[in-house]
Structure formats: C-alpha cells, structure tokens
Amino acid sequence: ERKAINSELWHACAGPLVSIPPVGSLVVYFPQGHSEQVAASMQKEADFIPSYPNLPSKLICMLHNVALHGLTPAHVVTGYIQSLSFS
C-alpha cells in the first residue's frame, strides 16, 4: 500500500535536484523512454520493451494530477503523475 506524504517531506527525501512541475503545467511525454524505464524496473531484456510504431516520439501534455508517496521497500520516494495529451 502506498501512503501519500506531504510535499515538503517528499522533496527533502528526494533531494535538491528533483523537481515536479505544478498541476496545470505543460509537459513533454516520451513514450519510448517510459517503455524503457518500465522494462528496466521490471528487469526485462530490451527485446521485451513494448513498441508503439504509430505513437509520436513525444506528446505535449497538461499535468493533471500529482501524487507523492513515501518510502518503498527499496527505500525510495515515488511520484505518480497523470497527464492529458494535447497532441
């Protein structure tokens, strides 16, 4: 179960080089990079990375929601970001 924590505590744990844009910001989403990160976190080989040939290499999105969560079993804080595509 993931527990939300306040922003100040989350940023203190994440460190000074981490920044999350505010809700309503325009952001760029890179589907291929996301696929590679998912594969790496699941310890999958490059052959198992999903490919989406009809999807653009980047999508302009508006940040819709941000949820900051406490320490995981791997001792890291996580942030979940939801965005809506404009592209």
N, C-alpha and C. Protein backbone atom coordinates (compact mmCIF):
# COMPACT_ATOMS: atom_id res chain seq x y z
N GLU A 1 0.84 -1.18 0.00
CA GLU A 1 0.00 0.00 0.00
C GLU A 1 0.89 1.24 0.00
N ARG A 2 0.58 2.17 -0.86
CA ARG A 2 1.36 3.41 -0.96
C ARG A 2 0.67 4.49 -0.13
N LYS A 3 1.46 5.17 0.67
CA LYS A 3 0.90 6.24 1.50
C LYS A 3 1.40 7.58 1.00
N ALA A 4 0.47 8.50 0.81
CA ALA A 4 0.83 9.85 0.38
C ALA A 4 1.50 10.58 1.55
N ILE A 5 2.50 11.40 1.21
CA ILE A 5 3.16 12.21 2.23
C ILE A 5 3.16 13.66 1.75
N ASN A 6 3.40 14.58 2.67
CA ASN A 6 3.34 15.99 2.27
C ASN A 6 4.54 16.35 1.39
N SER A 7 4.35 17.38 0.62
CA SER A 7 5.32 17.78 -0.40
C SER A 7 6.68 18.13 0.20
N GLU A 8 6.69 18.83 1.32
CA GLU A 8 7.95 19.26 1.93
C GLU A 8 8.80 18.05 2.35
N LEU A 9 8.17 17.07 2.98
CA LEU A 9 8.88 15.86 3.40
C LEU A 9 9.35 15.07 2.17
N TRP A 10 8.48 14.94 1.16
CA TRP A 10 8.83 14.20 -0.05
C TRP A 10 10.06 14.82 -0.71
N HIS A 11 10.06 16.15 -0.87
CA HIS A 11 11.19 16.82 -1.51
C HIS A 11 12.47 16.71 -0.68
N ALA A 12 12.36 16.70 0.64
CA ALA A 12 13.54 16.52 1.49
C ALA A 12 14.15 15.13 1.26
N CYS A 13 13.30 14.12 1.09
CA CYS A 13 13.80 12.76 0.83
C CYS A 13 14.32 12.60 -0.59
N ALA A 14 13.66 13.23 -1.55
CA ALA A 14 14.03 13.09 -2.96
C ALA A 14 15.33 13.80 -3.29
N GLY A 15 15.60 14.89 -2.60
CA GLY A 15 16.84 15.62 -2.83
C GLY A 15 16.65 16.89 -3.62
N PRO A 16 17.67 17.76 -3.61
CA PRO A 16 17.55 19.09 -4.20
C PRO A 16 17.51 19.11 -5.73
N LEU A 17 17.89 18.04 -6.39
CA LEU A 17 17.91 18.04 -7.85
C LEU A 17 16.60 17.57 -8.47
N VAL A 18 15.63 17.20 -7.64
CA VAL A 18 14.35 16.69 -8.13
C VAL A 18 13.32 17.80 -8.10
N SER A 19 12.64 17.98 -9.21
CA SER A 19 11.55 18.96 -9.23
C SER A 19 10.37 18.35 -9.98
N ILE A 20 9.19 18.67 -9.51
CA ILE A 20 7.95 18.20 -10.14
C ILE A 20 7.19 19.46 -10.54
N PRO A 21 6.81 19.57 -11.82
CA PRO A 21 6.07 20.76 -12.23
C PRO A 21 4.68 20.79 -11.57
N PRO A 22 4.14 21.98 -11.38
CA PRO A 22 2.82 22.08 -10.76
C PRO A 22 1.71 21.60 -11.69
N VAL A 23 0.61 21.16 -11.09
CA VAL A 23 -0.57 20.76 -11.85
C VAL A 23 -0.97 21.93 -12.76
N GLY A 24 -1.33 21.61 -13.99
CA GLY A 24 -1.70 22.63 -14.97
C GLY A 24 -0.56 22.98 -15.91
N SER A 25 0.66 22.54 -15.59
CA SER A 25 1.83 22.82 -16.44
C SER A 25 1.77 21.98 -17.71
N LEU A 26 2.34 22.53 -18.78
CA LEU A 26 2.53 21.75 -19.99
C LEU A 26 3.84 20.99 -19.86
N VAL A 27 3.81 19.70 -20.19
CA VAL A 27 4.98 18.84 -20.09
C VAL A 27 5.11 18.03 -21.37
N VAL A 28 6.29 17.48 -21.61
CA VAL A 28 6.52 16.63 -22.77
C VAL A 28 6.65 15.19 -22.27
N TYR A 29 5.87 14.30 -22.87
CA TYR A 29 5.90 12.88 -22.52
C TYR A 29 6.58 12.12 -23.64
N PHE A 30 7.56 11.29 -23.28
CA PHE A 30 8.31 10.48 -24.25
C PHE A 30 7.93 9.01 -24.06
N PRO A 31 7.01 8.48 -24.88
CA PRO A 31 6.55 7.09 -24.70
C PRO A 31 7.68 6.06 -24.74
N GLN A 32 8.65 6.21 -25.64
CA GLN A 32 9.73 5.23 -25.73
C GLN A 32 10.56 5.21 -24.45
N GLY A 33 10.87 6.40 -23.93
CA GLY A 33 11.62 6.47 -22.68
C GLY A 33 10.85 5.84 -21.53
N HIS A 34 9.53 6.05 -21.51
CA HIS A 34 8.69 5.44 -20.48
C HIS A 34 8.75 3.92 -20.59
N SER A 35 8.63 3.40 -21.81
CA SER A 35 8.70 1.95 -22.02
C SER A 35 10.04 1.39 -21.54
N GLU A 36 11.12 2.10 -21.83
CA GLU A 36 12.44 1.64 -21.42
C GLU A 36 12.58 1.64 -19.89
N GLN A 37 12.02 2.66 -19.23
CA GLN A 37 12.08 2.72 -17.77
C GLN A 37 11.27 1.59 -17.14
N VAL A 38 10.10 1.31 -17.71
CA VAL A 38 9.27 0.21 -17.20
C VAL A 38 10.01 -1.12 -17.36
N ALA A 39 10.59 -1.34 -18.53
CA ALA A 39 11.33 -2.59 -18.78
C ALA A 39 12.50 -2.72 -17.80
N ALA A 40 13.23 -1.62 -17.57
CA ALA A 40 14.37 -1.66 -16.66
C ALA A 40 13.92 -1.94 -15.23
N SER A 41 12.81 -1.32 -14.81
CA SER A 41 12.34 -1.54 -13.44
C SER A 41 11.82 -2.95 -13.24
N MET A 42 11.38 -3.58 -14.33
CA MET A 42 10.90 -4.96 -14.25
C MET A 42 12.00 -5.96 -14.58
N GLN A 43 13.21 -5.43 -14.83
CA GLN A 43 14.39 -6.23 -15.17
C GLN A 43 14.13 -7.12 -16.39
N LYS A 44 13.54 -6.51 -17.43
CA LYS A 44 13.27 -7.22 -18.68
C LYS A 44 14.37 -6.91 -19.69
N GLU A 45 14.58 -7.81 -20.62
CA GLU A 45 15.54 -7.60 -21.69
C GLU A 45 14.99 -6.57 -22.68
N ALA A 46 15.88 -5.97 -23.47
CA ALA A 46 15.48 -4.96 -24.46
C ALA A 46 14.47 -5.53 -25.46
N ASP A 47 14.53 -6.84 -25.73
CA ASP A 47 13.60 -7.46 -26.67
C ASP A 47 12.16 -7.41 -26.17
N PHE A 48 11.98 -7.23 -24.87
CA PHE A 48 10.64 -7.25 -24.30
C PHE A 48 10.05 -5.85 -24.12
N ILE A 49 10.77 -4.82 -24.55
CA ILE A 49 10.25 -3.45 -24.44
C ILE A 49 9.14 -3.28 -25.47
N PRO A 50 7.94 -2.87 -25.03
CA PRO A 50 6.85 -2.69 -25.99
C PRO A 50 7.19 -1.60 -27.01
N SER A 51 6.74 -1.80 -28.21
CA SER A 51 6.97 -0.82 -29.28
C SER A 51 5.62 -0.30 -29.75
N TYR A 52 5.54 1.00 -29.95
CA TYR A 52 4.30 1.63 -30.40
C TYR A 52 4.61 2.45 -31.65
N PRO A 53 4.71 1.79 -32.81
CA PRO A 53 5.15 2.48 -34.03
C PRO A 53 4.22 3.60 -34.49
N ASN A 54 2.95 3.56 -34.13
CA ASN A 54 2.01 4.60 -34.56
C ASN A 54 1.92 5.77 -33.59
N LEU A 55 2.65 5.69 -32.49
CA LEU A 55 2.64 6.74 -31.50
C LEU A 55 3.77 7.72 -31.78
N PRO A 56 3.52 9.03 -31.70
CA PRO A 56 4.60 10.00 -31.92
C PRO A 56 5.72 9.80 -30.89
N SER A 57 6.91 10.29 -31.22
CA SER A 57 8.05 10.14 -30.32
C SER A 57 7.90 11.00 -29.06
N LYS A 58 7.10 12.05 -29.14
CA LYS A 58 6.83 12.88 -27.96
C LYS A 58 5.42 13.43 -28.06
N LEU A 59 4.81 13.65 -26.91
CA LEU A 59 3.46 14.18 -26.82
C LEU A 59 3.47 15.38 -25.87
N ILE A 60 2.82 16.46 -26.26
CA ILE A 60 2.66 17.60 -25.37
C ILE A 60 1.42 17.33 -24.52
N CYS A 61 1.59 17.41 -23.21
CA CYS A 61 0.50 17.08 -22.29
C CYS A 61 0.36 18.17 -21.24
N MET A 62 -0.82 18.21 -20.61
CA MET A 62 -1.02 19.08 -19.46
C MET A 62 -1.03 18.20 -18.21
N LEU A 63 -0.25 18.59 -17.22
CA LEU A 63 -0.18 17.84 -15.98
C LEU A 63 -1.52 17.96 -15.26
N HIS A 64 -2.13 16.81 -15.00
CA HIS A 64 -3.48 16.75 -14.44
C HIS A 64 -3.49 16.49 -12.94
N ASN A 65 -2.57 15.63 -12.47
CA ASN A 65 -2.56 15.25 -11.07
C ASN A 65 -1.16 14.78 -10.67
N VAL A 66 -0.78 15.06 -9.45
CA VAL A 66 0.49 14.59 -8.91
C VAL A 66 0.21 13.97 -7.54
N ALA A 67 0.72 12.76 -7.31
CA ALA A 67 0.60 12.10 -6.01
C ALA A 67 2.00 11.73 -5.55
N LEU A 68 2.38 12.20 -4.38
CA LEU A 68 3.70 11.93 -3.82
C LEU A 68 3.57 10.87 -2.74
N HIS A 69 4.39 9.82 -2.84
CA HIS A 69 4.28 8.70 -1.91
C HIS A 69 5.57 8.51 -1.12
N GLY A 70 5.42 7.90 0.05
CA GLY A 70 6.53 7.67 0.95
C GLY A 70 7.46 6.58 0.50
N LEU A 71 8.34 6.20 1.38
CA LEU A 71 9.38 5.22 1.07
C LEU A 71 8.80 3.88 0.67
N THR A 72 9.38 3.30 -0.36
CA THR A 72 9.02 1.97 -0.83
C THR A 72 9.93 0.95 -0.15
N PRO A 73 9.68 -0.34 -0.35
CA PRO A 73 10.61 -1.34 0.21
C PRO A 73 12.06 -1.14 -0.27
N ALA A 74 12.24 -0.49 -1.42
CA ALA A 74 13.59 -0.22 -1.94
C ALA A 74 14.17 1.07 -1.36
N HIS A 75 13.46 1.69 -0.41
CA HIS A 75 13.89 2.92 0.26
C HIS A 75 14.01 4.11 -0.69
N VAL A 76 13.03 4.27 -1.55
CA VAL A 76 12.96 5.45 -2.42
C VAL A 76 11.57 6.06 -2.30
N VAL A 77 11.49 7.36 -2.51
CA VAL A 77 10.18 8.01 -2.59
C VAL A 77 9.75 7.98 -4.05
N THR A 78 8.45 7.95 -4.27
CA THR A 78 7.93 7.89 -5.64
C THR A 78 6.91 8.99 -5.86
N GLY A 79 6.79 9.39 -7.11
CA GLY A 79 5.79 10.36 -7.50
C GLY A 79 5.02 9.81 -8.69
N TYR A 80 3.72 9.90 -8.64
CA TYR A 80 2.87 9.44 -9.74
C TYR A 80 2.25 10.66 -10.39
N ILE A 81 2.43 10.75 -11.69
CA ILE A 81 1.98 11.92 -12.43
C ILE A 81 0.97 11.49 -13.47
N GLN A 82 -0.17 12.17 -13.52
CA GLN A 82 -1.17 11.93 -14.56
C GLN A 82 -1.19 13.15 -15.46
N SER A 83 -1.25 12.89 -16.76
CA SER A 83 -1.30 14.00 -17.71
C SER A 83 -2.30 13.69 -18.81
N LEU A 84 -2.78 14.75 -19.44
CA LEU A 84 -3.72 14.64 -20.55
C LEU A 84 -3.03 15.15 -21.80
N SER A 85 -3.11 14.38 -22.88
CA SER A 85 -2.40 14.73 -24.11
C SER A 85 -3.12 15.84 -24.88
N PHE A 86 -2.33 16.75 -25.43
CA PHE A 86 -2.83 17.78 -26.35
C PHE A 86 -2.47 17.45 -27.78
N SER A 87 -1.53 16.53 -27.98
CA SER A 87 -1.04 16.20 -29.32
C SER A 87 -1.97 15.24 -30.01
